[in-house]
Amino acid sequence: MSAKDVFHNTVKIALEKENWQITHDPLSFELTEKVKVRIDLGAEKLITAEKDHKKSRASRKDYYFL
């Protein structure tokens, strides 16, 4: 496992302040036996809409940070 760079926690905190939910820290998976992928952060943000005091989930944005 590689070490986190100096910006990792800064980026994570900034995302959380903007109401992003950190979903993976880190995200690791195998594409094949020989190819393994490691992504530093996974985050998602729900975008909601409100009308007449009723809320509904309009969209979900997912991002992965290398």
PDB file of N, CA and C in Angstrom:
ATOM      1  N   MET A   1       0.843  -1.175   0.000  1.00  0.00           N
ATOM      2  CA  MET A   1       0.000   0.000   0.000  1.00  0.00           C
ATOM      3  C   MET A   1       0.885   1.233   0.000  1.00  0.00           C
ATOM      4  N   SER A   2       0.588   2.168  -0.881  1.00  0.00           N
ATOM      5  CA  SER A   2       1.384   3.382  -0.950  1.00  0.00           C
ATOM      6  C   SER A   2       0.964   4.365   0.144  1.00  0.00           C
ATOM      7  N   ALA A   3       1.875   5.255   0.464  1.00  0.00           N
ATOM      8  CA  ALA A   3       1.605   6.260   1.496  1.00  0.00           C
ATOM      9  C   ALA A   3       0.712   7.359   0.938  1.00  0.00           C
ATOM     10  N   LYS A   4      -0.107   7.929   1.803  1.00  0.00           N
ATOM     11  CA  LYS A   4      -0.953   9.053   1.402  1.00  0.00           C
ATOM     12  C   LYS A   4      -0.080  10.291   1.255  1.00  0.00           C
ATOM     13  N   ASP A   5      -0.374  11.104   0.230  1.00  0.00           N
ATOM     14  CA  ASP A   5       0.432  12.305   0.039  1.00  0.00           C
ATOM     15  C   ASP A   5      -0.005  13.408   1.013  1.00  0.00           C
ATOM     16  N   VAL A   6       0.703  14.520   0.980  1.00  0.00           N
ATOM     17  CA  VAL A   6       0.467  15.601   1.948  1.00  0.00           C
ATOM     18  C   VAL A   6      -0.898  16.261   1.761  1.00  0.00           C
ATOM     19  N   PHE A   7      -1.524  16.090   0.608  1.00  0.00           N
ATOM     20  CA  PHE A   7      -2.810  16.729   0.337  1.00  0.00           C
ATOM     21  C   PHE A   7      -4.010  15.867   0.706  1.00  0.00           C
ATOM     22  N   HIS A   8      -3.791  14.609   1.023  1.00  0.00           N
ATOM     23  CA  HIS A   8      -4.895  13.665   1.245  1.00  0.00           C
ATOM     24  C   HIS A   8      -5.893  14.178   2.287  1.00  0.00           C
ATOM     25  N   ASN A   9      -5.415  14.482   3.480  1.00  0.00           N
ATOM     26  CA  ASN A   9      -6.327  14.920   4.548  1.00  0.00           C
ATOM     27  C   ASN A   9      -6.948  16.271   4.242  1.00  0.00           C
ATOM     28  N   THR A  10      -6.202  17.165   3.590  1.00  0.00           N
ATOM     29  CA  THR A  10      -6.731  18.472   3.226  1.00  0.00           C
ATOM     30  C   THR A  10      -7.900  18.319   2.259  1.00  0.00           C
ATOM     31  N   VAL A  11      -7.735  17.479   1.251  1.00  0.00           N
ATOM     32  CA  VAL A  11      -8.800  17.248   0.280  1.00  0.00           C
ATOM     33  C   VAL A  11      -9.999  16.580   0.958  1.00  0.00           C
ATOM     34  N   LYS A  12      -9.739  15.607   1.799  1.00  0.00           N
ATOM     35  CA  LYS A  12     -10.817  14.903   2.503  1.00  0.00           C
ATOM     36  C   LYS A  12     -11.633  15.872   3.366  1.00  0.00           C
ATOM     37  N   ILE A  13     -10.969  16.711   4.115  1.00  0.00           N
ATOM     38  CA  ILE A  13     -11.649  17.681   4.982  1.00  0.00           C
ATOM     39  C   ILE A  13     -12.451  18.681   4.138  1.00  0.00           C
ATOM     40  N   ALA A  14     -11.861  19.144   3.031  1.00  0.00           N
ATOM     41  CA  ALA A  14     -12.559  20.099   2.163  1.00  0.00           C
ATOM     42  C   ALA A  14     -13.828  19.476   1.573  1.00  0.00           C
ATOM     43  N   LEU A  15     -13.748  18.229   1.150  1.00  0.00           N
ATOM     44  CA  LEU A  15     -14.932  17.544   0.617  1.00  0.00           C
ATOM     45  C   LEU A  15     -16.016  17.419   1.684  1.00  0.00           C
ATOM     46  N   GLU A  16     -15.622  17.028   2.890  1.00  0.00           N
ATOM     47  CA  GLU A  16     -16.587  16.874   3.980  1.00  0.00           C
ATOM     48  C   GLU A  16     -17.247  18.211   4.340  1.00  0.00           C
ATOM     49  N   LYS A  17     -16.490  19.302   4.294  1.00  0.00           N
ATOM     50  CA  LYS A  17     -17.055  20.629   4.580  1.00  0.00           C
ATOM     51  C   LYS A  17     -18.091  21.035   3.537  1.00  0.00           C
ATOM     52  N   GLU A  18     -17.958  20.517   2.328  1.00  0.00           N
ATOM     53  CA  GLU A  18     -18.912  20.801   1.255  1.00  0.00           C
ATOM     54  C   GLU A  18     -20.018  19.749   1.188  1.00  0.00           C
ATOM     55  N   ASN A  19     -20.202  18.999   2.287  1.00  0.00           N
ATOM     56  CA  ASN A  19     -21.257  17.990   2.433  1.00  0.00           C
ATOM     57  C   ASN A  19     -21.111  16.775   1.520  1.00  0.00           C
ATOM     58  N   TRP A  20     -19.874  16.460   1.142  1.00  0.00           N
ATOM     59  CA  TRP A  20     -19.616  15.213   0.432  1.00  0.00           C
ATOM     60  C   TRP A  20     -19.459  14.118   1.477  1.00  0.00           C
ATOM     61  N   GLN A  21     -19.921  12.935   1.157  1.00  0.00           N
ATOM     62  CA  GLN A  21     -19.735  11.789   2.038  1.00  0.00           C
ATOM     63  C   GLN A  21     -18.591  10.947   1.478  1.00  0.00           C
ATOM     64  N   ILE A  22     -17.575  10.725   2.301  1.00  0.00           N
ATOM     65  CA  ILE A  22     -16.449   9.889   1.881  1.00  0.00           C
ATOM     66  C   ILE A  22     -16.922   8.438   1.925  1.00  0.00           C
ATOM     67  N   THR A  23     -16.907   7.786   0.784  1.00  0.00           N
ATOM     68  CA  THR A  23     -17.400   6.409   0.697  1.00  0.00           C
ATOM     69  C   THR A  23     -16.274   5.380   0.741  1.00  0.00           C
ATOM     70  N   HIS A  24     -15.091   5.772   0.322  1.00  0.00           N
ATOM     71  CA  HIS A  24     -13.945   4.859   0.304  1.00  0.00           C
ATOM     72  C   HIS A  24     -12.673   5.631   0.626  1.00  0.00           C
ATOM     73  N   ASP A  25     -11.866   5.090   1.523  1.00  0.00           N
ATOM     74  CA  ASP A  25     -10.592   5.725   1.888  1.00  0.00           C
ATOM     75  C   ASP A  25      -9.606   4.659   2.341  1.00  0.00           C
ATOM     76  N   PRO A  26      -8.916   4.001   1.461  1.00  0.00           N
ATOM     77  CA  PRO A  26      -8.934   4.037  -0.004  1.00  0.00           C
ATOM     78  C   PRO A  26      -9.913   3.010  -0.575  1.00  0.00           C
ATOM     79  N   LEU A  27     -10.100   3.068  -1.886  1.00  0.00           N
ATOM     80  CA  LEU A  27     -10.866   2.067  -2.620  1.00  0.00           C
ATOM     81  C   LEU A  27      -9.870   1.205  -3.380  1.00  0.00           C
ATOM     82  N   SER A  28      -9.898  -0.090  -3.131  1.00  0.00           N
ATOM     83  CA  SER A  28      -8.981  -1.008  -3.808  1.00  0.00           C
ATOM     84  C   SER A  28      -9.773  -2.147  -4.428  1.00  0.00           C
ATOM     85  N   PHE A  29      -9.378  -2.552  -5.628  1.00  0.00           N
ATOM     86  CA  PHE A  29     -10.006  -3.704  -6.266  1.00  0.00           C
ATOM     87  C   PHE A  29      -9.075  -4.280  -7.317  1.00  0.00           C
ATOM     88  N   GLU A  30      -9.372  -5.509  -7.743  1.00  0.00           N
ATOM     89  CA  GLU A  30      -8.568  -6.186  -8.749  1.00  0.00           C
ATOM     90  C   GLU A  30      -9.334  -6.243 -10.060  1.00  0.00           C
ATOM     91  N   LEU A  31      -8.682  -5.810 -11.142  1.00  0.00           N
ATOM     92  CA  LEU A  31      -9.261  -5.977 -12.465  1.00  0.00           C
ATOM     93  C   LEU A  31      -8.980  -7.377 -12.984  1.00  0.00           C
ATOM     94  N   THR A  32      -7.740  -7.827 -12.782  1.00  0.00           N
ATOM     95  CA  THR A  32      -7.312  -9.183 -13.112  1.00  0.00           C
ATOM     96  C   THR A  32      -6.376  -9.630 -11.995  1.00  0.00           C
ATOM     97  N   GLU A  33      -5.862 -10.842 -12.099  1.00  0.00           N
ATOM     98  CA  GLU A  33      -4.902 -11.314 -11.091  1.00  0.00           C
ATOM     99  C   GLU A  33      -3.670 -10.421 -11.031  1.00  0.00           C
ATOM    100  N   LYS A  34      -3.276  -9.867 -12.161  1.00  0.00           N
ATOM    101  CA  LYS A  34      -2.058  -9.065 -12.225  1.00  0.00           C
ATOM    102  C   LYS A  34      -2.301  -7.561 -12.128  1.00  0.00           C
ATOM    103  N   VAL A  35      -3.522  -7.124 -12.331  1.00  0.00           N
ATOM    104  CA  VAL A  35      -3.822  -5.690 -12.325  1.00  0.00           C
ATOM    105  C   VAL A  35      -4.680  -5.342 -11.116  1.00  0.00           C
ATOM    106  N   LYS A  36      -4.060  -4.604 -10.194  1.00  0.00           N
ATOM    107  CA  LYS A  36      -4.755  -4.146  -8.999  1.00  0.00           C
ATOM    108  C   LYS A  36      -4.842  -2.623  -9.042  1.00  0.00           C
ATOM    109  N   VAL A  37      -5.988  -2.084  -8.650  1.00  0.00           N
ATOM    110  CA  VAL A  37      -6.226  -0.647  -8.709  1.00  0.00           C
ATOM    111  C   VAL A  37      -6.450  -0.132  -7.291  1.00  0.00           C
ATOM    112  N   ARG A  38      -5.836   1.008  -6.986  1.00  0.00           N
ATOM    113  CA  ARG A  38      -6.028   1.658  -5.686  1.00  0.00           C
ATOM    114  C   ARG A  38      -6.331   3.125  -5.934  1.00  0.00           C
ATOM    115  N   ILE A  39      -7.477   3.553  -5.456  1.00  0.00           N
ATOM    116  CA  ILE A  39      -7.908   4.943  -5.599  1.00  0.00           C
ATOM    117  C   ILE A  39      -7.910   5.555  -4.210  1.00  0.00           C
ATOM    118  N   ASP A  40      -7.336   6.758  -4.081  1.00  0.00           N
ATOM    119  CA  ASP A  40      -7.172   7.371  -2.757  1.00  0.00           C
ATOM    120  C   ASP A  40      -8.481   7.643  -2.043  1.00  0.00           C
ATOM    121  N   LEU A  41      -9.439   8.277  -2.705  1.00  0.00           N
ATOM    122  CA  LEU A  41     -10.712   8.631  -2.069  1.00  0.00           C
ATOM    123  C   LEU A  41     -11.864   8.387  -3.018  1.00  0.00           C
ATOM    124  N   GLY A  42     -12.950   7.912  -2.470  1.00  0.00           N
ATOM    125  CA  GLY A  42     -14.211   7.869  -3.193  1.00  0.00           C
ATOM    126  C   GLY A  42     -15.183   8.746  -2.424  1.00  0.00           C
ATOM    127  N   ALA A  43     -15.966   9.542  -3.120  1.00  0.00           N
ATOM    128  CA  ALA A  43     -16.901  10.442  -2.449  1.00  0.00           C
ATOM    129  C   ALA A  43     -18.173  10.552  -3.265  1.00  0.00           C
ATOM    130  N   GLU A  44     -19.274  10.823  -2.568  1.00  0.00           N
ATOM    131  CA  GLU A  44     -20.530  11.056  -3.251  1.00  0.00           C
ATOM    132  C   GLU A  44     -21.253  12.210  -2.589  1.00  0.00           C
ATOM    133  N   LYS A  45     -22.100  12.857  -3.364  1.00  0.00           N
ATOM    134  CA  LYS A  45     -22.893  13.971  -2.847  1.00  0.00           C
ATOM    135  C   LYS A  45     -24.298  13.822  -3.389  1.00  0.00           C
ATOM    136  N   LEU A  46     -25.269  13.847  -2.500  1.00  0.00           N
ATOM    137  CA  LEU A  46     -26.658  13.786  -2.911  1.00  0.00           C
ATOM    138  C   LEU A  46     -27.164  15.197  -3.167  1.00  0.00           C
ATOM    139  N   ILE A  47     -27.826  15.358  -4.270  1.00  0.00           N
ATOM    140  CA  ILE A  47     -28.409  16.646  -4.612  1.00  0.00           C
ATOM    141  C   ILE A  47     -29.922  16.494  -4.485  1.00  0.00           C
ATOM    142  N   THR A  48     -30.525  17.323  -3.652  1.00  0.00           N
ATOM    143  CA  THR A  48     -31.951  17.197  -3.399  1.00  0.00           C
ATOM    144  C   THR A  48     -32.705  18.424  -3.898  1.00  0.00           C
ATOM    145  N   ALA A  49     -33.971  18.217  -4.097  1.00  0.00           N
ATOM    146  CA  ALA A  49     -34.850  19.316  -4.495  1.00  0.00           C
ATOM    147  C   ALA A  49     -35.995  19.391  -3.490  1.00  0.00           C
ATOM    148  N   GLU A  50     -36.516  20.592  -3.297  1.00  0.00           N
ATOM    149  CA  GLU A  50     -37.609  20.770  -2.351  1.00  0.00           C
ATOM    150  C   GLU A  50     -38.698  21.620  -2.991  1.00  0.00           C
ATOM    151  N   LYS A  51     -39.941  21.166  -2.821  1.00  0.00           N
ATOM    152  CA  LYS A  51     -41.091  21.911  -3.315  1.00  0.00           C
ATOM    153  C   LYS A  51     -42.249  21.683  -2.355  1.00  0.00           C
ATOM    154  N   ASP A  52     -42.880  22.732  -1.923  1.00  0.00           N
ATOM    155  CA  ASP A  52     -44.000  22.639  -0.985  1.00  0.00           C
ATOM    156  C   ASP A  52     -43.644  21.815   0.248  1.00  0.00           C
ATOM    157  N   HIS A  53     -42.481  22.063   0.771  1.00  0.00           N
ATOM    158  CA  HIS A  53     -41.978  21.394   1.975  1.00  0.00           C
ATOM    159  C   HIS A  53     -41.787  19.883   1.798  1.00  0.00           C
ATOM    160  N   LYS A  54     -41.699  19.427   0.570  1.00  0.00           N
ATOM    161  CA  LYS A  54     -41.433  18.013   0.293  1.00  0.00           C
ATOM    162  C   LYS A  54     -40.060  17.923  -0.362  1.00  0.00           C
ATOM    163  N   LYS A  55     -39.243  17.047   0.164  1.00  0.00           N
ATOM    164  CA  LYS A  55     -37.904  16.876  -0.394  1.00  0.00           C
ATOM    165  C   LYS A  55     -37.855  15.609  -1.236  1.00  0.00           C
ATOM    166  N   SER A  56     -37.093  15.669  -2.295  1.00  0.00           N
ATOM    167  CA  SER A  56     -36.858  14.481  -3.109  1.00  0.00           C
ATOM    168  C   SER A  56     -35.406  14.479  -3.561  1.00  0.00           C
ATOM    169  N   ARG A  57     -34.874  13.298  -3.702  1.00  0.00           N
ATOM    170  CA  ARG A  57     -33.509  13.164  -4.175  1.00  0.00           C
ATOM    171  C   ARG A  57     -33.505  13.296  -5.684  1.00  0.00           C
ATOM    172  N   ALA A  58     -32.799  14.274  -6.187  1.00  0.00           N
ATOM    173  CA  ALA A  58     -32.802  14.543  -7.619  1.00  0.00           C
ATOM    174  C   ALA A  58     -31.659  13.850  -8.345  1.00  0.00           C
ATOM    175  N   SER A  59     -30.531  13.760  -7.691  1.00  0.00           N
ATOM    176  CA  SER A  59     -29.364  13.222  -8.386  1.00  0.00           C
ATOM    177  C   SER A  59     -28.317  12.801  -7.380  1.00  0.00           C
ATOM    178  N   ARG A  60     -27.441  11.934  -7.802  1.00  0.00           N
ATOM    179  CA  ARG A  60     -26.316  11.526  -6.968  1.00  0.00           C
ATOM    180  C   ARG A  60     -25.059  11.642  -7.812  1.00  0.00           C
ATOM    181  N   LYS A  61     -24.064  12.293  -7.266  1.00  0.00           N
ATOM    182  CA  LYS A  61     -22.791  12.467  -7.964  1.00  0.00           C
ATOM    183  C   LYS A  61     -21.723  11.642  -7.244  1.00  0.00           C
ATOM    184  N   ASP A  62     -21.019  10.829  -7.996  1.00  0.00           N
ATOM    185  CA  ASP A  62     -19.940  10.013  -7.441  1.00  0.00           C
ATOM    186  C   ASP A  62     -18.630  10.419  -8.118  1.00  0.00           C
ATOM    187  N   TYR A  63     -17.579  10.545  -7.300  1.00  0.00           N
ATOM    188  CA  TYR A  63     -16.260  10.877  -7.827  1.00  0.00           C
ATOM    189  C   TYR A  63     -15.226  10.014  -7.130  1.00  0.00           C
ATOM    190  N   TYR A  64     -14.191   9.704  -7.852  1.00  0.00           N
ATOM    191  CA  TYR A  64     -13.065   8.968  -7.303  1.00  0.00           C
ATOM    192  C   TYR A  64     -11.813   9.758  -7.573  1.00  0.00           C
ATOM    193  N   PHE A  65     -11.009   9.930  -6.538  1.00  0.00           N
ATOM    194  CA  PHE A  65      -9.819  10.768  -6.608  1.00  0.00           C
ATOM    195  C   PHE A  65      -8.577   9.897  -6.565  1.00  0.00           C
ATOM    196  N   LEU A  66      -7.752  10.027  -7.584  1.00  0.00           N
ATOM    197  CA  LEU A  66      -6.517   9.235  -7.657  1.00  0.00           C
ATOM    198  C   LEU A  66      -5.412   9.892  -6.893  1.00  0.00           C
TER     199      LEU A  66
END
